[in-house]
Amino acid sequence: MSSAGPHSLSPDMVRALLEGRQSIELTPTRLLRLSKDLPHDWSEQRHFLGFGDGRSKISGRNAL
């Protein structure tokens, strides 16, 4: 796993994932694939993964 793997997600995003409050498109497999491009900044992570605005910012090239 890259250095920006799930261990570096913001605590509130980890909680949301554990509670199932992520976008339906954000599967564990997709999150693992996206981890290599995951920003280190927590606010950028929220935007990149679509938390907080109801939309995913994940491009089609990262689709399963």
PDB file of N, CA and C in Angstrom:
ATOM      1  N   MET A   1       0.841  -1.175   0.000  1.00  0.00           N
ATOM      2  CA  MET A   1       0.000   0.000   0.000  1.00  0.00           C
ATOM      3  C   MET A   1       0.887   1.238   0.000  1.00  0.00           C
ATOM      4  N   SER A   2       0.420   2.283  -0.608  1.00  0.00           N
ATOM      5  CA  SER A   2       1.193   3.516  -0.677  1.00  0.00           C
ATOM      6  C   SER A   2       1.229   4.210   0.678  1.00  0.00           C
ATOM      7  N   SER A   3       2.060   5.229   0.782  1.00  0.00           N
ATOM      8  CA  SER A   3       2.176   5.967   2.036  1.00  0.00           C
ATOM      9  C   SER A   3       0.915   6.762   2.362  1.00  0.00           C
ATOM     10  N   ALA A   4       0.054   6.969   1.384  1.00  0.00           N
ATOM     11  CA  ALA A   4      -1.197   7.695   1.625  1.00  0.00           C
ATOM     12  C   ALA A   4      -2.365   6.723   1.662  1.00  0.00           C
ATOM     13  N   GLY A   5      -2.165   5.584   2.261  1.00  0.00           N
ATOM     14  CA  GLY A   5      -3.210   4.572   2.349  1.00  0.00           C
ATOM     15  C   GLY A   5      -4.260   4.935   3.380  1.00  0.00           C
ATOM     16  N   PRO A   6      -5.173   4.018   3.638  1.00  0.00           N
ATOM     17  CA  PRO A   6      -6.269   4.274   4.567  1.00  0.00           C
ATOM     18  C   PRO A   6      -5.819   4.695   5.963  1.00  0.00           C
ATOM     19  N   HIS A   7      -4.605   4.332   6.362  1.00  0.00           N
ATOM     20  CA  HIS A   7      -4.112   4.718   7.682  1.00  0.00           C
ATOM     21  C   HIS A   7      -3.932   6.227   7.810  1.00  0.00           C
ATOM     22  N   SER A   8      -3.928   6.967   6.712  1.00  0.00           N
ATOM     23  CA  SER A   8      -3.745   8.411   6.776  1.00  0.00           C
ATOM     24  C   SER A   8      -5.029   9.183   6.469  1.00  0.00           C
ATOM     25  N   LEU A   9      -6.150   8.493   6.415  1.00  0.00           N
ATOM     26  CA  LEU A   9      -7.431   9.178   6.225  1.00  0.00           C
ATOM     27  C   LEU A   9      -7.784   9.955   7.486  1.00  0.00           C
ATOM     28  N   SER A  10      -8.527  11.025   7.309  1.00  0.00           N
ATOM     29  CA  SER A  10      -8.953  11.795   8.469  1.00  0.00           C
ATOM     30  C   SER A  10      -9.844  10.924   9.359  1.00  0.00           C
ATOM     31  N   PRO A  11      -9.802  11.142  10.667  1.00  0.00           N
ATOM     32  CA  PRO A  11     -10.609  10.329  11.583  1.00  0.00           C
ATOM     33  C   PRO A  11     -12.105  10.349  11.253  1.00  0.00           C
ATOM     34  N   ASP A  12     -12.630  11.500  10.833  1.00  0.00           N
ATOM     35  CA  ASP A  12     -14.057  11.552  10.514  1.00  0.00           C
ATOM     36  C   ASP A  12     -14.389  10.751   9.254  1.00  0.00           C
ATOM     37  N   MET A  13     -13.452  10.681   8.302  1.00  0.00           N
ATOM     38  CA  MET A  13     -13.698   9.867   7.105  1.00  0.00           C
ATOM     39  C   MET A  13     -13.619   8.381   7.442  1.00  0.00           C
ATOM     40  N   VAL A  14     -12.696   8.001   8.311  1.00  0.00           N
ATOM     41  CA  VAL A  14     -12.618   6.604   8.757  1.00  0.00           C
ATOM     42  C   VAL A  14     -13.925   6.219   9.434  1.00  0.00           C
ATOM     43  N   ARG A  15     -14.419   7.087  10.310  1.00  0.00           N
ATOM     44  CA  ARG A  15     -15.681   6.835  11.009  1.00  0.00           C
ATOM     45  C   ARG A  15     -16.833   6.697  10.004  1.00  0.00           C
ATOM     46  N   ALA A  16     -16.884   7.595   9.029  1.00  0.00           N
ATOM     47  CA  ALA A  16     -17.940   7.540   8.010  1.00  0.00           C
ATOM     48  C   ALA A  16     -17.872   6.234   7.222  1.00  0.00           C
ATOM     49  N   LEU A  17     -16.666   5.799   6.865  1.00  0.00           N
ATOM     50  CA  LEU A  17     -16.505   4.532   6.136  1.00  0.00           C
ATOM     51  C   LEU A  17     -16.964   3.354   6.989  1.00  0.00           C
ATOM     52  N   LEU A  18     -16.578   3.351   8.259  1.00  0.00           N
ATOM     53  CA  LEU A  18     -16.973   2.256   9.152  1.00  0.00           C
ATOM     54  C   LEU A  18     -18.483   2.210   9.369  1.00  0.00           C
ATOM     55  N   GLU A  19     -19.119   3.378   9.319  1.00  0.00           N
ATOM     56  CA  GLU A  19     -20.569   3.468   9.500  1.00  0.00           C
ATOM     57  C   GLU A  19     -21.328   3.336   8.186  1.00  0.00           C
ATOM     58  N   GLY A  20     -20.608   3.185   7.070  1.00  0.00           N
ATOM     59  CA  GLY A  20     -21.257   3.005   5.773  1.00  0.00           C
ATOM     60  C   GLY A  20     -21.834   4.273   5.182  1.00  0.00           C
ATOM     61  N   ARG A  21     -21.290   5.428   5.540  1.00  0.00           N
ATOM     62  CA  ARG A  21     -21.824   6.702   5.055  1.00  0.00           C
ATOM     63  C   ARG A  21     -21.087   7.246   3.845  1.00  0.00           C
ATOM     64  N   GLN A  22     -20.362   6.408   3.119  1.00  0.00           N
ATOM     65  CA  GLN A  22     -19.667   6.831   1.907  1.00  0.00           C
ATOM     66  C   GLN A  22     -20.574   6.621   0.694  1.00  0.00           C
ATOM     67  N   SER A  23     -20.168   7.189  -0.417  1.00  0.00           N
ATOM     68  CA  SER A  23     -20.878   6.982  -1.676  1.00  0.00           C
ATOM     69  C   SER A  23     -20.904   5.492  -1.996  1.00  0.00           C
ATOM     70  N   ILE A  24     -21.974   5.030  -2.584  1.00  0.00           N
ATOM     71  CA  ILE A  24     -22.084   3.614  -2.941  1.00  0.00           C
ATOM     72  C   ILE A  24     -20.983   3.183  -3.909  1.00  0.00           C
ATOM     73  N   GLU A  25     -20.471   4.127  -4.693  1.00  0.00           N
ATOM     74  CA  GLU A  25     -19.396   3.818  -5.644  1.00  0.00           C
ATOM     75  C   GLU A  25     -18.037   3.650  -4.968  1.00  0.00           C
ATOM     76  N   LEU A  26     -17.911   4.118  -3.731  1.00  0.00           N
ATOM     77  CA  LEU A  26     -16.631   4.043  -3.034  1.00  0.00           C
ATOM     78  C   LEU A  26     -16.547   2.721  -2.268  1.00  0.00           C
ATOM     79  N   THR A  27     -16.225   1.683  -3.008  1.00  0.00           N
ATOM     80  CA  THR A  27     -16.078   0.344  -2.431  1.00  0.00           C
ATOM     81  C   THR A  27     -14.689   0.214  -1.805  1.00  0.00           C
ATOM     82  N   PRO A  28     -14.492  -0.795  -0.954  1.00  0.00           N
ATOM     83  CA  PRO A  28     -13.145  -1.014  -0.405  1.00  0.00           C
ATOM     84  C   PRO A  28     -12.091  -1.201  -1.501  1.00  0.00           C
ATOM     85  N   THR A  29     -12.445  -1.917  -2.555  1.00  0.00           N
ATOM     86  CA  THR A  29     -11.510  -2.136  -3.663  1.00  0.00           C
ATOM     87  C   THR A  29     -11.154  -0.816  -4.332  1.00  0.00           C
ATOM     88  N   ARG A  30     -12.144   0.011  -4.572  1.00  0.00           N
ATOM     89  CA  ARG A  30     -11.893   1.308  -5.214  1.00  0.00           C
ATOM     90  C   ARG A  30     -11.051   2.205  -4.311  1.00  0.00           C
ATOM     91  N   LEU A  31     -11.353   2.206  -3.011  1.00  0.00           N
ATOM     92  CA  LEU A  31     -10.574   3.019  -2.083  1.00  0.00           C
ATOM     93  C   LEU A  31      -9.110   2.590  -2.098  1.00  0.00           C
ATOM     94  N   LEU A  32      -8.872   1.305  -2.130  1.00  0.00           N
ATOM     95  CA  LEU A  32      -7.495   0.807  -2.188  1.00  0.00           C
ATOM     96  C   LEU A  32      -6.805   1.258  -3.475  1.00  0.00           C
ATOM     97  N   ARG A  33      -7.523   1.179  -4.590  1.00  0.00           N
ATOM     98  CA  ARG A  33      -6.947   1.623  -5.876  1.00  0.00           C
ATOM     99  C   ARG A  33      -6.666   3.119  -5.880  1.00  0.00           C
ATOM    100  N   LEU A  34      -7.544   3.883  -5.258  1.00  0.00           N
ATOM    101  CA  LEU A  34      -7.380   5.337  -5.234  1.00  0.00           C
ATOM    102  C   LEU A  34      -6.311   5.789  -4.250  1.00  0.00           C
ATOM    103  N   SER A  35      -5.941   4.927  -3.323  1.00  0.00           N
ATOM    104  CA  SER A  35      -5.020   5.336  -2.264  1.00  0.00           C
ATOM    105  C   SER A  35      -3.682   5.850  -2.802  1.00  0.00           C
ATOM    106  N   LYS A  36      -3.269   5.383  -3.981  1.00  0.00           N
ATOM    107  CA  LYS A  36      -1.994   5.870  -4.535  1.00  0.00           C
ATOM    108  C   LYS A  36      -2.072   7.334  -4.954  1.00  0.00           C
ATOM    109  N   ASP A  37      -3.266   7.835  -5.235  1.00  0.00           N
ATOM    110  CA  ASP A  37      -3.451   9.228  -5.648  1.00  0.00           C
ATOM    111  C   ASP A  37      -4.090  10.088  -4.561  1.00  0.00           C
ATOM    112  N   LEU A  38      -4.316   9.517  -3.398  1.00  0.00           N
ATOM    113  CA  LEU A  38      -5.021  10.207  -2.328  1.00  0.00           C
ATOM    114  C   LEU A  38      -4.199  11.380  -1.796  1.00  0.00           C
ATOM    115  N   PRO A  39      -4.789  12.579  -1.778  1.00  0.00           N
ATOM    116  CA  PRO A  39      -4.062  13.729  -1.232  1.00  0.00           C
ATOM    117  C   PRO A  39      -3.763  13.518   0.255  1.00  0.00           C
ATOM    118  N   HIS A  40      -2.699  14.113   0.735  1.00  0.00           N
ATOM    119  CA  HIS A  40      -2.357  14.018   2.154  1.00  0.00           C
ATOM    120  C   HIS A  40      -3.222  14.952   2.994  1.00  0.00           C
ATOM    121  N   ASP A  41      -3.642  16.060   2.413  1.00  0.00           N
ATOM    122  CA  ASP A  41      -4.469  17.030   3.129  1.00  0.00           C
ATOM    123  C   ASP A  41      -5.880  16.474   3.321  1.00  0.00           C
ATOM    124  N   TRP A  42      -6.369  16.466   4.566  1.00  0.00           N
ATOM    125  CA  TRP A  42      -7.675  15.865   4.860  1.00  0.00           C
ATOM    126  C   TRP A  42      -8.815  16.549   4.122  1.00  0.00           C
ATOM    127  N   SER A  43      -8.784  17.859   3.996  1.00  0.00           N
ATOM    128  CA  SER A  43      -9.854  18.551   3.268  1.00  0.00           C
ATOM    129  C   SER A  43      -9.846  18.205   1.797  1.00  0.00           C
ATOM    130  N   GLU A  44      -8.655  18.058   1.225  1.00  0.00           N
ATOM    131  CA  GLU A  44      -8.562  17.629  -0.175  1.00  0.00           C
ATOM    132  C   GLU A  44      -9.034  16.179  -0.333  1.00  0.00           C
ATOM    133  N   GLN A  45      -8.756  15.348   0.665  1.00  0.00           N
ATOM    134  CA  GLN A  45      -9.243  13.966   0.632  1.00  0.00           C
ATOM    135  C   GLN A  45     -10.767  13.941   0.583  1.00  0.00           C
ATOM    136  N   ARG A  46     -11.403  14.758   1.432  1.00  0.00           N
ATOM    137  CA  ARG A  46     -12.873  14.802   1.457  1.00  0.00           C
ATOM    138  C   ARG A  46     -13.413  15.165   0.078  1.00  0.00           C
ATOM    139  N   HIS A  47     -12.806  16.141  -0.535  1.00  0.00           N
ATOM    140  CA  HIS A  47     -13.232  16.574  -1.868  1.00  0.00           C
ATOM    141  C   HIS A  47     -12.979  15.464  -2.894  1.00  0.00           C
ATOM    142  N   PHE A  48     -11.795  14.877  -2.871  1.00  0.00           N
ATOM    143  CA  PHE A  48     -11.393  13.826  -3.810  1.00  0.00           C
ATOM    144  C   PHE A  48     -12.311  12.608  -3.728  1.00  0.00           C
ATOM    145  N   LEU A  49     -12.702  12.236  -2.512  1.00  0.00           N
ATOM    146  CA  LEU A  49     -13.526  11.043  -2.317  1.00  0.00           C
ATOM    147  C   LEU A  49     -15.023  11.340  -2.287  1.00  0.00           C
ATOM    148  N   GLY A  50     -15.402  12.625  -2.395  1.00  0.00           N
ATOM    149  CA  GLY A  50     -16.810  12.979  -2.490  1.00  0.00           C
ATOM    150  C   GLY A  50     -17.541  13.056  -1.167  1.00  0.00           C
ATOM    151  N   PHE A  51     -16.826  13.232  -0.057  1.00  0.00           N
ATOM    152  CA  PHE A  51     -17.476  13.371   1.240  1.00  0.00           C
ATOM    153  C   PHE A  51     -17.924  14.805   1.441  1.00  0.00           C
ATOM    154  N   GLY A  52     -19.101  14.972   2.005  1.00  0.00           N
ATOM    155  CA  GLY A  52     -19.563  16.294   2.378  1.00  0.00           C
ATOM    156  C   GLY A  52     -20.394  17.010   1.342  1.00  0.00           C
ATOM    157  N   ASP A  53     -20.294  16.627   0.081  1.00  0.00           N
ATOM    158  CA  ASP A  53     -21.076  17.335  -0.934  1.00  0.00           C
ATOM    159  C   ASP A  53     -22.034  16.421  -1.678  1.00  0.00           C
ATOM    160  N   GLY A  54     -22.062  15.141  -1.304  1.00  0.00           N
ATOM    161  CA  GLY A  54     -22.983  14.211  -1.935  1.00  0.00           C
ATOM    162  C   GLY A  54     -22.575  13.745  -3.316  1.00  0.00           C
ATOM    163  N   ARG A  55     -21.421  14.197  -3.810  1.00  0.00           N
ATOM    164  CA  ARG A  55     -20.957  13.794  -5.137  1.00  0.00           C
ATOM    165  C   ARG A  55     -19.562  13.219  -5.038  1.00  0.00           C
ATOM    166  N   SER A  56     -19.280  12.249  -5.852  1.00  0.00           N
ATOM    167  CA  SER A  56     -17.945  11.671  -5.915  1.00  0.00           C
ATOM    168  C   SER A  56     -17.116  12.434  -6.927  1.00  0.00           C
ATOM    169  N   LYS A  57     -15.863  12.673  -6.613  1.00  0.00           N
ATOM    170  CA  LYS A  57     -14.946  13.349  -7.526  1.00  0.00           C
ATOM    171  C   LYS A  57     -14.077  12.337  -8.255  1.00  0.00           C
ATOM    172  N   ILE A  58     -14.425  11.074  -8.139  1.00  0.00           N
ATOM    173  CA  ILE A  58     -13.626  10.004  -8.724  1.00  0.00           C
ATOM    174  C   ILE A  58     -13.876   9.960 -10.220  1.00  0.00           C
ATOM    175  N   SER A  59     -12.805  10.026 -10.986  1.00  0.00           N
ATOM    176  CA  SER A  59     -12.947  10.011 -12.440  1.00  0.00           C
ATOM    177  C   SER A  59     -13.181   8.604 -12.955  1.00  0.00           C
ATOM    178  N   GLY A  60     -13.678   8.503 -14.164  1.00  0.00           N
ATOM    179  CA  GLY A  60     -13.945   7.217 -14.792  1.00  0.00           C
ATOM    180  C   GLY A  60     -12.712   6.351 -14.933  1.00  0.00           C
ATOM    181  N   ARG A  61     -11.540   6.949 -15.051  1.00  0.00           N
ATOM    182  CA  ARG A  61     -10.329   6.148 -15.215  1.00  0.00           C
ATOM    183  C   ARG A  61     -10.019   5.337 -13.971  1.00  0.00           C
ATOM    184  N   ASN A  62     -10.612   5.713 -12.833  1.00  0.00           N
ATOM    185  CA  ASN A  62     -10.384   4.986 -11.593  1.00  0.00           C
ATOM    186  C   ASN A  62     -11.513   4.017 -11.276  1.00  0.00           C
ATOM    187  N   ALA A  63     -12.431   3.864 -12.183  1.00  0.00           N
ATOM    188  CA  ALA A  63     -13.569   2.973 -11.946  1.00  0.00           C
ATOM    189  C   ALA A  63     -13.109   1.525 -11.896  1.00  0.00           C
ATOM    190  N   LEU A  64     -13.943   0.713 -11.264  1.00  0.00           N
ATOM    191  CA  LEU A  64     -13.610  -0.712 -11.154  1.00  0.00           C
ATOM    192  C   LEU A  64     -13.567  -1.362 -12.464  1.00  0.00           C
TER     193      LEU A  64
END
